[in-house]
Amino acid sequence: MSDLITLTESAAVQIKKMIKENGEEGANFRFSINGGGCSGLSYGMSLDHERAEKDTFFEQHGIGVVIDEETAPIVAGTVIDFKQSLMGGGFTIENPNALVSCGCGSSFRTAKVSGTPEEC
């Protein structure tokens, strides 16, 4: 299931840097969905040493990626990138399942899952 999401090389470099800077060697990159945000759902990214039995696990660019079973269908086909600009850098998420996205880029909803929107 290594094609569930795609980490670009730029995103992988940044995640490896974060693992090293935070002393989290051996940690996996966990990508998740949380309720809330302007559009009803928001993305979550963390470093995690644990994996649940029902988690999907695969590796890309030498990084272990973990996605829970509820998040997997909502993010299938998503591309995670890291872009640097004069204003700083940050992760960008392109989710083909998102029908509506907030201007901040971290909140969205899909045709099947909408969550409960919050004020931005």
PDB file of N, CA and C in Angstrom:
ATOM      1  N   MET A   1       0.813  -1.200   0.000  1.00  0.00           N
ATOM      2  CA  MET A   1       0.000   0.000   0.000  1.00  0.00           C
ATOM      3  C   MET A   1       0.851   1.255   0.000  1.00  0.00           C
ATOM      4  N   SER A   2       2.033   1.173  -0.584  1.00  0.00           N
ATOM      5  CA  SER A   2       2.951   2.302  -0.560  1.00  0.00           C
ATOM      6  C   SER A   2       2.485   3.465  -1.423  1.00  0.00           C
ATOM      7  N   ASP A   3       1.412   3.276  -2.188  1.00  0.00           N
ATOM      8  CA  ASP A   3       0.907   4.367  -3.014  1.00  0.00           C
ATOM      9  C   ASP A   3      -0.294   5.068  -2.368  1.00  0.00           C
ATOM     10  N   LEU A   4      -0.570   4.772  -1.107  1.00  0.00           N
ATOM     11  CA  LEU A   4      -1.683   5.404  -0.405  1.00  0.00           C
ATOM     12  C   LEU A   4      -1.506   6.918  -0.390  1.00  0.00           C
ATOM     13  N   ILE A   5      -0.331   7.380   0.019  1.00  0.00           N
ATOM     14  CA  ILE A   5       0.040   8.790  -0.082  1.00  0.00           C
ATOM     15  C   ILE A   5       1.448   8.843  -0.662  1.00  0.00           C
ATOM     16  N   THR A   6       1.828  10.016  -1.126  1.00  0.00           N
ATOM     17  CA  THR A   6       3.169  10.209  -1.670  1.00  0.00           C
ATOM     18  C   THR A   6       3.860  11.330  -0.911  1.00  0.00           C
ATOM     19  N   LEU A   7       5.039  11.035  -0.395  1.00  0.00           N
ATOM     20  CA  LEU A   7       5.911  12.068   0.162  1.00  0.00           C
ATOM     21  C   LEU A   7       6.869  12.473  -0.945  1.00  0.00           C
ATOM     22  N   THR A   8       6.952  13.761  -1.244  1.00  0.00           N
ATOM     23  CA  THR A   8       7.952  14.192  -2.209  1.00  0.00           C
ATOM     24  C   THR A   8       9.318  14.104  -1.557  1.00  0.00           C
ATOM     25  N   GLU A   9      10.346  14.166  -2.364  1.00  0.00           N
ATOM     26  CA  GLU A   9      11.710  14.128  -1.835  1.00  0.00           C
ATOM     27  C   GLU A   9      11.944  15.301  -0.889  1.00  0.00           C
ATOM     28  N   SER A  10      11.407  16.470  -1.233  1.00  0.00           N
ATOM     29  CA  SER A  10      11.554  17.658  -0.397  1.00  0.00           C
ATOM     30  C   SER A  10      10.901  17.446   0.970  1.00  0.00           C
ATOM     31  N   ALA A  11       9.716  16.852   1.003  1.00  0.00           N
ATOM     32  CA  ALA A  11       9.032  16.574   2.267  1.00  0.00           C
ATOM     33  C   ALA A  11       9.831  15.566   3.084  1.00  0.00           C
ATOM     34  N   ALA A  12      10.361  14.547   2.416  1.00  0.00           N
ATOM     35  CA  ALA A  12      11.144  13.527   3.113  1.00  0.00           C
ATOM     36  C   ALA A  12      12.388  14.124   3.755  1.00  0.00           C
ATOM     37  N   VAL A  13      13.068  15.007   3.039  1.00  0.00           N
ATOM     38  CA  VAL A  13      14.261  15.667   3.590  1.00  0.00           C
ATOM     39  C   VAL A  13      13.893  16.438   4.855  1.00  0.00           C
ATOM     40  N   GLN A  14      12.773  17.154   4.815  1.00  0.00           N
ATOM     41  CA  GLN A  14      12.345  17.946   5.973  1.00  0.00           C
ATOM     42  C   GLN A  14      11.951  17.048   7.147  1.00  0.00           C
ATOM     43  N   ILE A  15      11.262  15.953   6.872  1.00  0.00           N
ATOM     44  CA  ILE A  15      10.865  15.033   7.941  1.00  0.00           C
ATOM     45  C   ILE A  15      12.102  14.414   8.584  1.00  0.00           C
ATOM     46  N   LYS A  16      13.078  13.997   7.776  1.00  0.00           N
ATOM     47  CA  LYS A  16      14.326  13.446   8.318  1.00  0.00           C
ATOM     48  C   LYS A  16      15.036  14.480   9.188  1.00  0.00           C
ATOM     49  N   LYS A  17      15.025  15.727   8.753  1.00  0.00           N
ATOM     50  CA  LYS A  17      15.652  16.807   9.517  1.00  0.00           C
ATOM     51  C   LYS A  17      14.947  16.971  10.871  1.00  0.00           C
ATOM     52  N   MET A  18      13.610  16.930  10.858  1.00  0.00           N
ATOM     53  CA  MET A  18      12.842  17.068  12.096  1.00  0.00           C
ATOM     54  C   MET A  18      13.104  15.890  13.037  1.00  0.00           C
ATOM     55  N   ILE A  19      13.206  14.684  12.489  1.00  0.00           N
ATOM     56  CA  ILE A  19      13.501  13.507  13.310  1.00  0.00           C
ATOM     57  C   ILE A  19      14.849  13.682  14.005  1.00  0.00           C
ATOM     58  N   LYS A  20      15.847  14.115  13.254  1.00  0.00           N
ATOM     59  CA  LYS A  20      17.187  14.301  13.812  1.00  0.00           C
ATOM     60  C   LYS A  20      17.211  15.430  14.846  1.00  0.00           C
ATOM     61  N   GLU A  21      16.633  16.591  14.500  1.00  0.00           N
ATOM     62  CA  GLU A  21      16.653  17.748  15.402  1.00  0.00           C
ATOM     63  C   GLU A  21      15.917  17.482  16.712  1.00  0.00           C
ATOM     64  N   ASN A  22      14.891  16.627  16.678  1.00  0.00           N
ATOM     65  CA  ASN A  22      14.103  16.343  17.874  1.00  0.00           C
ATOM     66  C   ASN A  22      14.565  15.091  18.610  1.00  0.00           C
ATOM     67  N   GLY A  23      15.677  14.494  18.158  1.00  0.00           N
ATOM     68  CA  GLY A  23      16.186  13.297  18.807  1.00  0.00           C
ATOM     69  C   GLY A  23      15.209  12.135  18.753  1.00  0.00           C
ATOM     70  N   GLU A  24      14.502  12.011  17.646  1.00  0.00           N
ATOM     71  CA  GLU A  24      13.457  10.995  17.509  1.00  0.00           C
ATOM     72  C   GLU A  24      13.876   9.855  16.576  1.00  0.00           C
ATOM     73  N   GLU A  25      15.154   9.499  16.575  1.00  0.00           N
ATOM     74  CA  GLU A  25      15.631   8.435  15.701  1.00  0.00           C
ATOM     75  C   GLU A  25      14.758   7.196  15.867  1.00  0.00           C
ATOM     76  N   GLY A  26      14.398   6.574  14.763  1.00  0.00           N
ATOM     77  CA  GLY A  26      13.538   5.392  14.788  1.00  0.00           C
ATOM     78  C   GLY A  26      12.057   5.711  14.744  1.00  0.00           C
ATOM     79  N   ALA A  27      11.708   7.000  14.791  1.00  0.00           N
ATOM     80  CA  ALA A  27      10.296   7.380  14.748  1.00  0.00           C
ATOM     81  C   ALA A  27       9.757   7.284  13.329  1.00  0.00           C
ATOM     82  N   ASN A  28       8.470   7.049  13.232  1.00  0.00           N
ATOM     83  CA  ASN A  28       7.758   7.054  11.957  1.00  0.00           C
ATOM     84  C   ASN A  28       7.021   8.377  11.801  1.00  0.00           C
ATOM     85  N   PHE A  29       6.676   8.683  10.566  1.00  0.00           N
ATOM     86  CA  PHE A  29       5.866   9.860  10.244  1.00  0.00           C
ATOM     87  C   PHE A  29       4.413   9.420  10.242  1.00  0.00           C
ATOM     88  N   ARG A  30       3.603   9.951  11.166  1.00  0.00           N
ATOM     89  CA  ARG A  30       2.181   9.613  11.224  1.00  0.00           C
ATOM     90  C   ARG A  30       1.380  10.741  10.582  1.00  0.00           C
ATOM     91  N   PHE A  31       0.548  10.367   9.608  1.00  0.00           N
ATOM     92  CA  PHE A  31      -0.338  11.307   8.924  1.00  0.00           C
ATOM     93  C   PHE A  31      -1.757  10.944   9.305  1.00  0.00           C
ATOM     94  N   SER A  32      -2.519  11.926   9.804  1.00  0.00           N
ATOM     95  CA  SER A  32      -3.851  11.637  10.329  1.00  0.00           C
ATOM     96  C   SER A  32      -4.839  12.741   9.982  1.00  0.00           C
ATOM     97  N   ILE A  33      -6.088  12.481  10.294  1.00  0.00           N
ATOM     98  CA  ILE A  33      -7.178  13.430  10.102  1.00  0.00           C
ATOM     99  C   ILE A  33      -7.827  13.665  11.464  1.00  0.00           C
ATOM    100  N   ASN A  34      -8.117  14.925  11.766  1.00  0.00           N
ATOM    101  CA  ASN A  34      -8.789  15.300  12.999  1.00  0.00           C
ATOM    102  C   ASN A  34     -10.038  16.089  12.650  1.00  0.00           C
ATOM    103  N   GLY A  35     -11.035  16.048  13.516  1.00  0.00           N
ATOM    104  CA  GLY A  35     -12.217  16.881  13.333  1.00  0.00           C
ATOM    105  C   GLY A  35     -11.878  18.316  13.645  1.00  0.00           C
ATOM    106  N   GLY A  36     -12.557  19.243  12.972  1.00  0.00           N
ATOM    107  CA  GLY A  36     -12.360  20.665  13.245  1.00  0.00           C
ATOM    108  C   GLY A  36     -11.775  21.398  12.069  1.00  0.00           C
ATOM    109  N   GLY A  37     -11.309  22.597  12.296  1.00  0.00           N
ATOM    110  CA  GLY A  37     -10.799  23.439  11.220  1.00  0.00           C
ATOM    111  C   GLY A  37     -11.947  24.167  10.534  1.00  0.00           C
ATOM    112  N   CYS A  38     -11.625  25.098   9.685  1.00  0.00           N
ATOM    113  CA  CYS A  38     -12.624  25.932   9.010  1.00  0.00           C
ATOM    114  C   CYS A  38     -13.602  25.120   8.159  1.00  0.00           C
ATOM    115  N   SER A  39     -13.105  24.045   7.556  1.00  0.00           N
ATOM    116  CA  SER A  39     -13.932  23.266   6.641  1.00  0.00           C
ATOM    117  C   SER A  39     -14.473  21.977   7.258  1.00  0.00           C
ATOM    118  N   GLY A  40     -14.104  21.665   8.495  1.00  0.00           N
ATOM    119  CA  GLY A  40     -14.652  20.504   9.178  1.00  0.00           C
ATOM    120  C   GLY A  40     -13.648  19.429   9.531  1.00  0.00           C
ATOM    121  N   LEU A  41     -12.589  19.276   8.726  1.00  0.00           N
ATOM    122  CA  LEU A  41     -11.542  18.295   9.001  1.00  0.00           C
ATOM    123  C   LEU A  41     -10.194  18.993   8.898  1.00  0.00           C
ATOM    124  N   SER A  42      -9.214  18.492   9.631  1.00  0.00           N
ATOM    125  CA  SER A  42      -7.873  19.061   9.515  1.00  0.00           C
ATOM    126  C   SER A  42      -6.851  17.936   9.516  1.00  0.00           C
ATOM    127  N   TYR A  43      -5.724  18.205   8.883  1.00  0.00           N
ATOM    128  CA  TYR A  43      -4.653  17.228   8.779  1.00  0.00           C
ATOM    129  C   TYR A  43      -3.799  17.264  10.036  1.00  0.00           C
ATOM    130  N   GLY A  44      -3.280  16.118  10.395  1.00  0.00           N
ATOM    131  CA  GLY A  44      -2.349  16.022  11.510  1.00  0.00           C
ATOM    132  C   GLY A  44      -1.084  15.317  11.047  1.00  0.00           C
ATOM    133  N   MET A  45       0.057  15.787  11.494  1.00  0.00           N
ATOM    134  CA  MET A  45       1.341  15.170  11.182  1.00  0.00           C
ATOM    135  C   MET A  45       2.144  15.126  12.470  1.00  0.00           C
ATOM    136  N   SER A  46       2.719  13.957  12.749  1.00  0.00           N
ATOM    137  CA  SER A  46       3.517  13.830  13.972  1.00  0.00           C
ATOM    138  C   SER A  46       4.570  12.750  13.783  1.00  0.00           C
ATOM    139  N   LEU A  47       5.511  12.720  14.706  1.00  0.00           N
ATOM    140  CA  LEU A  47       6.503  11.661  14.758  1.00  0.00           C
ATOM    141  C   LEU A  47       6.021  10.681  15.811  1.00  0.00           C
ATOM    142  N   ASP A  48       6.036   9.395  15.486  1.00  0.00           N
ATOM    143  CA  ASP A  48       5.429   8.401  16.361  1.00  0.00           C
ATOM    144  C   ASP A  48       6.262   7.121  16.369  1.00  0.00           C
ATOM    145  N   HIS A  49       6.519   6.610  17.550  1.00  0.00           N
ATOM    146  CA  HIS A  49       7.258   5.348  17.679  1.00  0.00           C
ATOM    147  C   HIS A  49       6.321   4.152  17.771  1.00  0.00           C
ATOM    148  N   GLU A  50       5.030   4.399  17.887  1.00  0.00           N
ATOM    149  CA  GLU A  50       4.045   3.323  18.058  1.00  0.00           C
ATOM    150  C   GLU A  50       3.279   3.065  16.765  1.00  0.00           C
ATOM    151  N   ARG A  51       2.831   1.814  16.617  1.00  0.00           N
ATOM    152  CA  ARG A  51       1.945   1.439  15.510  1.00  0.00           C
ATOM    153  C   ARG A  51       0.862   0.538  16.066  1.00  0.00           C
ATOM    154  N   ALA A  52      -0.386   0.844  15.725  1.00  0.00           N
ATOM    155  CA  ALA A  52      -1.504  -0.005  16.133  1.00  0.00           C
ATOM    156  C   ALA A  52      -1.658  -1.137  15.115  1.00  0.00           C
ATOM    157  N   GLU A  53      -2.318  -2.185  15.533  1.00  0.00           N
ATOM    158  CA  GLU A  53      -2.498  -3.356  14.671  1.00  0.00           C
ATOM    159  C   GLU A  53      -3.181  -3.004  13.346  1.00  0.00           C
ATOM    160  N   LYS A  54      -4.124  -2.080  13.373  1.00  0.00           N
ATOM    161  CA  LYS A  54      -4.886  -1.738  12.165  1.00  0.00           C
ATOM    162  C   LYS A  54      -4.279  -0.573  11.375  1.00  0.00           C
ATOM    163  N   ASP A  55      -3.133  -0.064  11.804  1.00  0.00           N
ATOM    164  CA  ASP A  55      -2.453   0.998  11.053  1.00  0.00           C
ATOM    165  C   ASP A  55      -1.898   0.442   9.750  1.00  0.00           C
ATOM    166  N   THR A  56      -1.902   1.277   8.721  1.00  0.00           N
ATOM    167  CA  THR A  56      -1.196   0.957   7.481  1.00  0.00           C
ATOM    168  C   THR A  56       0.217   1.509   7.634  1.00  0.00           C
ATOM    169  N   PHE A  57       1.200   0.702   7.298  1.00  0.00           N
ATOM    170  CA  PHE A  57       2.595   1.116   7.401  1.00  0.00           C
ATOM    171  C   PHE A  57       3.305   0.833   6.084  1.00  0.00           C
ATOM    172  N   PHE A  58       4.105   1.795   5.627  1.00  0.00           N
ATOM    173  CA  PHE A  58       4.956   1.608   4.453  1.00  0.00           C
ATOM    174  C   PHE A  58       6.110   2.581   4.556  1.00  0.00           C
ATOM    175  N   GLU A  59       7.096   2.420   3.696  1.00  0.00           N
ATOM    176  CA  GLU A  59       8.258   3.313   3.699  1.00  0.00           C
ATOM    177  C   GLU A  59       8.363   4.049   2.380  1.00  0.00           C
ATOM    178  N   GLN A  60       8.757   5.303   2.473  1.00  0.00           N
ATOM    179  CA  GLN A  60       9.072   6.124   1.297  1.00  0.00           C
ATOM    180  C   GLN A  60      10.291   6.960   1.635  1.00  0.00           C
ATOM    181  N   HIS A  61      11.263   6.974   0.739  1.00  0.00           N
ATOM    182  CA  HIS A  61      12.485   7.769   0.917  1.00  0.00           C
ATOM    183  C   HIS A  61      13.157   7.465   2.257  1.00  0.00           C
ATOM    184  N   GLY A  62      13.045   6.215   2.732  1.00  0.00           N
ATOM    185  CA  GLY A  62      13.676   5.830   3.985  1.00  0.00           C
ATOM    186  C   GLY A  62      12.924   6.256   5.229  1.00  0.00           C
ATOM    187  N   ILE A  63      11.691   6.709   5.072  1.00  0.00           N
ATOM    188  CA  ILE A  63      10.873   7.146   6.209  1.00  0.00           C
ATOM    189  C   ILE A  63       9.702   6.181   6.364  1.00  0.00           C
ATOM    190  N   GLY A  64       9.497   5.696   7.586  1.00  0.00           N
ATOM    191  CA  GLY A  64       8.316   4.883   7.869  1.00  0.00           C
ATOM    192  C   GLY A  64       7.106   5.794   7.949  1.00  0.00           C
ATOM    193  N   VAL A  65       6.051   5.450   7.212  1.00  0.00           N
ATOM    194  CA  VAL A  65       4.820   6.239   7.182  1.00  0.00           C
ATOM    195  C   VAL A  65       3.707   5.405   7.812  1.00  0.00           C
ATOM    196  N   VAL A  66       2.963   6.008   8.742  1.00  0.00           N
ATOM    197  CA  VAL A  66       1.882   5.325   9.439  1.00  0.00           C
ATOM    198  C   VAL A  66       0.588   6.109   9.237  1.00  0.00           C
ATOM    199  N   ILE A  67      -0.467   5.384   8.846  1.00  0.00           N
ATOM    200  CA  ILE A  67      -1.788   5.991   8.657  1.00  0.00           C
ATOM    201  C   ILE A  67      -2.820   5.059   9.269  1.00  0.00           C
ATOM    202  N   ASP A  68      -3.703   5.590  10.122  1.00  0.00           N
ATOM    203  CA  ASP A  68      -4.701   4.733  10.753  1.00  0.00           C
ATOM    204  C   ASP A  68      -5.803   4.371   9.753  1.00  0.00           C
ATOM    205  N   GLU A  69      -6.569   3.327  10.076  1.00  0.00           N
ATOM    206  CA  GLU A  69      -7.539   2.793   9.127  1.00  0.00           C
ATOM    207  C   GLU A  69      -8.681   3.764   8.800  1.00  0.00           C
ATOM    208  N   GLU A  70      -9.030   4.658   9.701  1.00  0.00           N
ATOM    209  CA  GLU A  70     -10.097   5.626   9.425  1.00  0.00           C
ATOM    210  C   GLU A  70      -9.607   6.739   8.501  1.00  0.00           C
ATOM    211  N   THR A  71      -8.345   7.093   8.610  1.00  0.00           N
ATOM    212  CA  THR A  71      -7.771   8.159   7.797  1.00  0.00           C
ATOM    213  C   THR A  71      -7.485   7.701   6.374  1.00  0.00           C
ATOM    214  N   ALA A  72      -7.079   6.445   6.210  1.00  0.00           N
ATOM    215  CA  ALA A  72      -6.607   5.934   4.918  1.00  0.00           C
ATOM    216  C   ALA A  72      -7.531   6.245   3.729  1.00  0.00           C
ATOM    217  N   PRO A  73      -8.824   5.939   3.781  1.00  0.00           N
ATOM    218  CA  PRO A  73      -9.645   6.216   2.591  1.00  0.00           C
ATOM    219  C   PRO A  73      -9.839   7.706   2.315  1.00  0.00           C
ATOM    220  N   ILE A  74      -9.712   8.525   3.333  1.00  0.00           N
ATOM    221  CA  ILE A  74      -9.920   9.973   3.173  1.00  0.00           C
ATOM    222  C   ILE A  74      -8.711  10.628   2.504  1.00  0.00           C
ATOM    223  N   VAL A  75      -7.526  10.038   2.691  1.00  0.00           N
ATOM    224  CA  VAL A  75      -6.303  10.645   2.160  1.00  0.00           C
ATOM    225  C   VAL A  75      -5.690   9.876   0.991  1.00  0.00           C
ATOM    226  N   ALA A  76      -6.353   8.834   0.516  1.00  0.00           N
ATOM    227  CA  ALA A  76      -5.799   8.039  -0.592  1.00  0.00           C
ATOM    228  C   ALA A  76      -5.484   8.939  -1.785  1.00  0.00           C
ATOM    229  N   GLY A  77      -4.257   8.843  -2.276  1.00  0.00           N
ATOM    230  CA  GLY A  77      -3.826   9.646  -3.424  1.00  0.00           C
ATOM    231  C   GLY A  77      -3.219  10.990  -3.067  1.00  0.00           C
ATOM    232  N   THR A  78      -3.139  11.310  -1.785  1.00  0.00           N
ATOM    233  CA  THR A  78      -2.613  12.598  -1.331  1.00  0.00           C
ATOM    234  C   THR A  78      -1.106  12.700  -1.566  1.00  0.00           C
ATOM    235  N   VAL A  79      -0.668  13.909  -1.938  1.00  0.00           N
ATOM    236  CA  VAL A  79       0.756  14.205  -2.107  1.00  0.00           C
ATOM    237  C   VAL A  79       1.144  15.229  -1.040  1.00  0.00           C
ATOM    238  N   ILE A  80       2.167  14.903  -0.255  1.00  0.00           N
ATOM    239  CA  ILE A  80       2.678  15.819   0.767  1.00  0.00           C
ATOM    240  C   ILE A  80       4.030  16.336   0.290  1.00  0.00           C
ATOM    241  N   ASP A  81       4.153  17.652   0.232  1.00  0.00           N
ATOM    242  CA  ASP A  81       5.374  18.297  -0.247  1.00  0.00           C
ATOM    243  C   ASP A  81       5.834  19.291   0.816  1.00  0.00           C
ATOM    244  N   PHE A  82       7.057  19.762   0.686  1.00  0.00           N
ATOM    245  CA  PHE A  82       7.568  20.835   1.538  1.00  0.00           C
ATOM    246  C   PHE A  82       8.106  21.907   0.621  1.00  0.00           C
ATOM    247  N   LYS A  83       7.594  23.127   0.792  1.00  0.00           N
ATOM    248  CA  LYS A  83       8.013  24.231  -0.067  1.00  0.00           C
ATOM    249  C   LYS A  83       8.639  25.326   0.769  1.00  0.00           C
ATOM    250  N   GLN A  84       9.732  25.851   0.247  1.00  0.00           N
ATOM    251  CA  GLN A  84      10.457  26.936   0.901  1.00  0.00           C
ATOM    252  C   GLN A  84      10.234  28.213   0.109  1.00  0.00           C
ATOM    253  N   SER A  85      10.010  29.338   0.802  1.00  0.00           N
ATOM    254  CA  SER A  85       9.866  30.629   0.132  1.00  0.00           C
ATOM    255  C   SER A  85      10.540  31.704   0.989  1.00  0.00           C
ATOM    256  N   LEU A  86      10.502  32.927   0.532  1.00  0.00           N
ATOM    257  CA  LEU A  86      11.083  34.032   1.294  1.00  0.00           C
ATOM    258  C   LEU A  86      10.374  34.237   2.629  1.00  0.00           C
ATOM    259  N   MET A  87       9.123  33.821   2.706  1.00  0.00           N
ATOM    260  CA  MET A  87       8.332  33.967   3.929  1.00  0.00           C
ATOM    261  C   MET A  87       8.519  32.780   4.877  1.00  0.00           C
ATOM    262  N   GLY A  88       9.343  31.816   4.514  1.00  0.00           N
ATOM    263  CA  GLY A  88       9.555  30.630   5.335  1.00  0.00           C
ATOM    264  C   GLY A  88       9.172  29.384   4.564  1.00  0.00           C
ATOM    265  N   GLY A  89       9.064  28.300   5.253  1.00  0.00           N
ATOM    266  CA  GLY A  89       8.730  27.039   4.607  1.00  0.00           C
ATOM    267  C   GLY A  89       7.580  26.349   5.304  1.00  0.00           C
ATOM    268  N   GLY A  90       7.012  25.385   4.607  1.00  0.00           N
ATOM    269  CA  GLY A  90       5.929  24.625   5.210  1.00  0.00           C
ATOM    270  C   GLY A  90       5.492  23.475   4.330  1.00  0.00           C
ATOM    271  N   PHE A  91       4.793  22.546   4.941  1.00  0.00           N
ATOM    272  CA  PHE A  91       4.265  21.407   4.209  1.00  0.00           C
ATOM    273  C   PHE A  91       3.022  21.827   3.440  1.00  0.00           C
ATOM    274  N   THR A  92       2.875  21.293   2.238  1.00  0.00           N
ATOM    275  CA  THR A  92       1.665  21.486   1.456  1.00  0.00           C
ATOM    276  C   THR A  92       1.040  20.115   1.236  1.00  0.00           C
ATOM    277  N   ILE A  93      -0.275  20.078   1.214  1.00  0.00           N
ATOM    278  CA  ILE A  93      -0.998  18.817   1.077  1.00  0.00           C
ATOM    279  C   ILE A  93      -1.982  18.943  -0.074  1.00  0.00           C
ATOM    280  N   GLU A  94      -1.834  18.063  -1.053  1.00  0.00           N
ATOM    281  CA  GLU A  94      -2.755  18.008  -2.182  1.00  0.00           C
ATOM    282  C   GLU A  94      -3.545  16.717  -2.069  1.00  0.00           C
ATOM    283  N   ASN A  95      -4.787  16.834  -1.641  1.00  0.00           N
ATOM    284  CA  ASN A  95      -5.652  15.678  -1.433  1.00  0.00           C
ATOM    285  C   ASN A  95      -6.726  15.667  -2.523  1.00  0.00           C
ATOM    286  N   PRO A  96      -6.697  14.687  -3.433  1.00  0.00           N
ATOM    287  CA  PRO A  96      -7.682  14.645  -4.511  1.00  0.00           C
ATOM    288  C   PRO A  96      -9.099  14.364  -4.020  1.00  0.00           C
ATOM    289  N   ASN A  97      -9.264  13.952  -2.784  1.00  0.00           N
ATOM    290  CA  ASN A  97     -10.581  13.664  -2.215  1.00  0.00           C
ATOM    291  C   ASN A  97     -11.234  14.895  -1.597  1.00  0.00           C
ATOM    292  N   ALA A  98     -10.475  15.962  -1.413  1.00  0.00           N
ATOM    293  CA  ALA A  98     -10.998  17.173  -0.778  1.00  0.00           C
ATOM    294  C   ALA A  98     -11.850  17.958  -1.772  1.00  0.00           C
ATOM    295  N   LEU A  99     -13.108  18.174  -1.414  1.00  0.00           N
ATOM    296  CA  LEU A  99     -14.001  18.976  -2.247  1.00  0.00           C
ATOM    297  C   LEU A  99     -13.865  20.457  -1.929  1.00  0.00           C
ATOM    298  N   VAL A 100     -13.678  20.755  -0.657  1.00  0.00           N
ATOM    299  CA  VAL A 100     -13.565  22.128  -0.178  1.00  0.00           C
ATOM    300  C   VAL A 100     -12.344  22.206   0.723  1.00  0.00           C
ATOM    301  N   SER A 101     -11.514  23.217   0.515  1.00  0.00           N
ATOM    302  CA  SER A 101     -10.350  23.439   1.371  1.00  0.00           C
ATOM    303  C   SER A 101     -10.368  24.872   1.862  1.00  0.00           C
ATOM    304  N   CYS A 102      -9.878  25.068   3.063  1.00  0.00           N
ATOM    305  CA  CYS A 102      -9.773  26.399   3.645  1.00  0.00           C
ATOM    306  C   CYS A 102      -8.544  27.097   3.054  1.00  0.00           C
ATOM    307  N   GLY A 103      -8.522  28.394   3.101  1.00  0.00           N
ATOM    308  CA  GLY A 103      -7.399  29.162   2.583  1.00  0.00           C
ATOM    309  C   GLY A 103      -6.077  28.821   3.242  1.00  0.00           C
ATOM    310  N   CYS A 104      -6.118  28.333   4.484  1.00  0.00           N
ATOM    311  CA  CYS A 104      -4.891  27.977   5.194  1.00  0.00           C
ATOM    312  C   CYS A 104      -4.281  26.693   4.649  1.00  0.00           C
ATOM    313  N   GLY A 105      -5.070  25.889   3.927  1.00  0.00           N
ATOM    314  CA  GLY A 105      -4.563  24.664   3.330  1.00  0.00           C
ATOM    315  C   GLY A 105      -4.514  23.471   4.265  1.00  0.00           C
ATOM    316  N   SER A 106      -4.903  23.641   5.519  1.00  0.00           N
ATOM    317  CA  SER A 106      -4.843  22.507   6.439  1.00  0.00           C
ATOM    318  C   SER A 106      -6.222  22.014   6.862  1.00  0.00           C
ATOM    319  N   SER A 107      -7.271  22.628   6.333  1.00  0.00           N
ATOM    320  CA  SER A 107      -8.626  22.231   6.666  1.00  0.00           C
ATOM    321  C   SER A 107      -9.377  21.907   5.378  1.00  0.00           C
ATOM    322  N   PHE A 108     -10.238  20.883   5.431  1.00  0.00           N
ATOM    323  CA  PHE A 108     -10.926  20.434   4.222  1.00  0.00           C
ATOM    324  C   PHE A 108     -12.148  19.604   4.581  1.00  0.00           C
ATOM    325  N   ARG A 109     -12.906  19.207   3.557  1.00  0.00           N
ATOM    326  CA  ARG A 109     -13.949  18.201   3.713  1.00  0.00           C
ATOM    327  C   ARG A 109     -14.048  17.429   2.411  1.00  0.00           C
ATOM    328  N   THR A 110     -14.588  16.228   2.499  1.00  0.00           N
ATOM    329  CA  THR A 110     -14.742  15.380   1.328  1.00  0.00           C
ATOM    330  C   THR A 110     -16.229  15.162   1.060  1.00  0.00           C
ATOM    331  N   ALA A 111     -16.547  14.461  -0.017  1.00  0.00           N
ATOM    332  CA  ALA A 111     -17.943  14.179  -0.348  1.00  0.00           C
ATOM    333  C   ALA A 111     -18.592  13.304   0.721  1.00  0.00           C
ATOM    334  N   LYS A 112     -17.816  12.407   1.343  1.00  0.00           N
ATOM    335  CA  LYS A 112     -18.371  11.470   2.314  1.00  0.00           C
ATOM    336  C   LYS A 112     -18.136  11.858   3.762  1.00  0.00           C
ATOM    337  N   VAL A 113     -17.124  12.673   4.022  1.00  0.00           N
ATOM    338  CA  VAL A 113     -16.771  13.038   5.393  1.00  0.00           C
ATOM    339  C   VAL A 113     -16.623  14.553   5.476  1.00  0.00           C
ATOM    340  N   SER A 114     -17.423  15.163   6.368  1.00  0.00           N
ATOM    341  CA  SER A 114     -17.370  16.621   6.426  1.00  0.00           C
ATOM    342  C   SER A 114     -16.901  17.166   7.764  1.00  0.00           C
ATOM    343  N   GLY A 115     -17.060  16.432   8.846  1.00  0.00           N
ATOM    344  CA  GLY A 115     -16.652  16.950  10.138  1.00  0.00           C
ATOM    345  C   GLY A 115     -17.524  18.121  10.561  1.00  0.00           C
ATOM    346  N   THR A 116     -17.119  18.810  11.624  1.00  0.00           N
ATOM    347  CA  THR A 116     -17.836  19.973  12.131  1.00  0.00           C
ATOM    348  C   THR A 116     -16.936  21.186  12.008  1.00  0.00           C
ATOM    349  N   PRO A 117     -17.290  22.130  11.106  1.00  0.00           N
ATOM    350  CA  PRO A 117     -16.445  23.308  10.933  1.00  0.00           C
ATOM    351  C   PRO A 117     -16.353  24.173  12.190  1.00  0.00           C
ATOM    352  N   GLU A 118     -15.189  24.809  12.356  1.00  0.00           N
ATOM    353  CA  GLU A 118     -14.958  25.759  13.429  1.00  0.00           C
ATOM    354  C   GLU A 118     -14.590  27.087  12.796  1.00  0.00           C
ATOM    355  N   GLU A 119     -14.707  28.156  13.553  1.00  0.00           N
ATOM    356  CA  GLU A 119     -14.284  29.465  13.023  1.00  0.00           C
ATOM    357  C   GLU A 119     -12.777  29.515  12.901  1.00  0.00           C
ATOM    358  N   CYS A 120     -12.282  30.142  11.824  1.00  0.00           N
ATOM    359  CA  CYS A 120     -10.843  30.305  11.645  1.00  0.00           C
ATOM    360  C   CYS A 120     -10.331  31.478  12.440  1.00  0.00           C
TER     361      CYS A 120
END
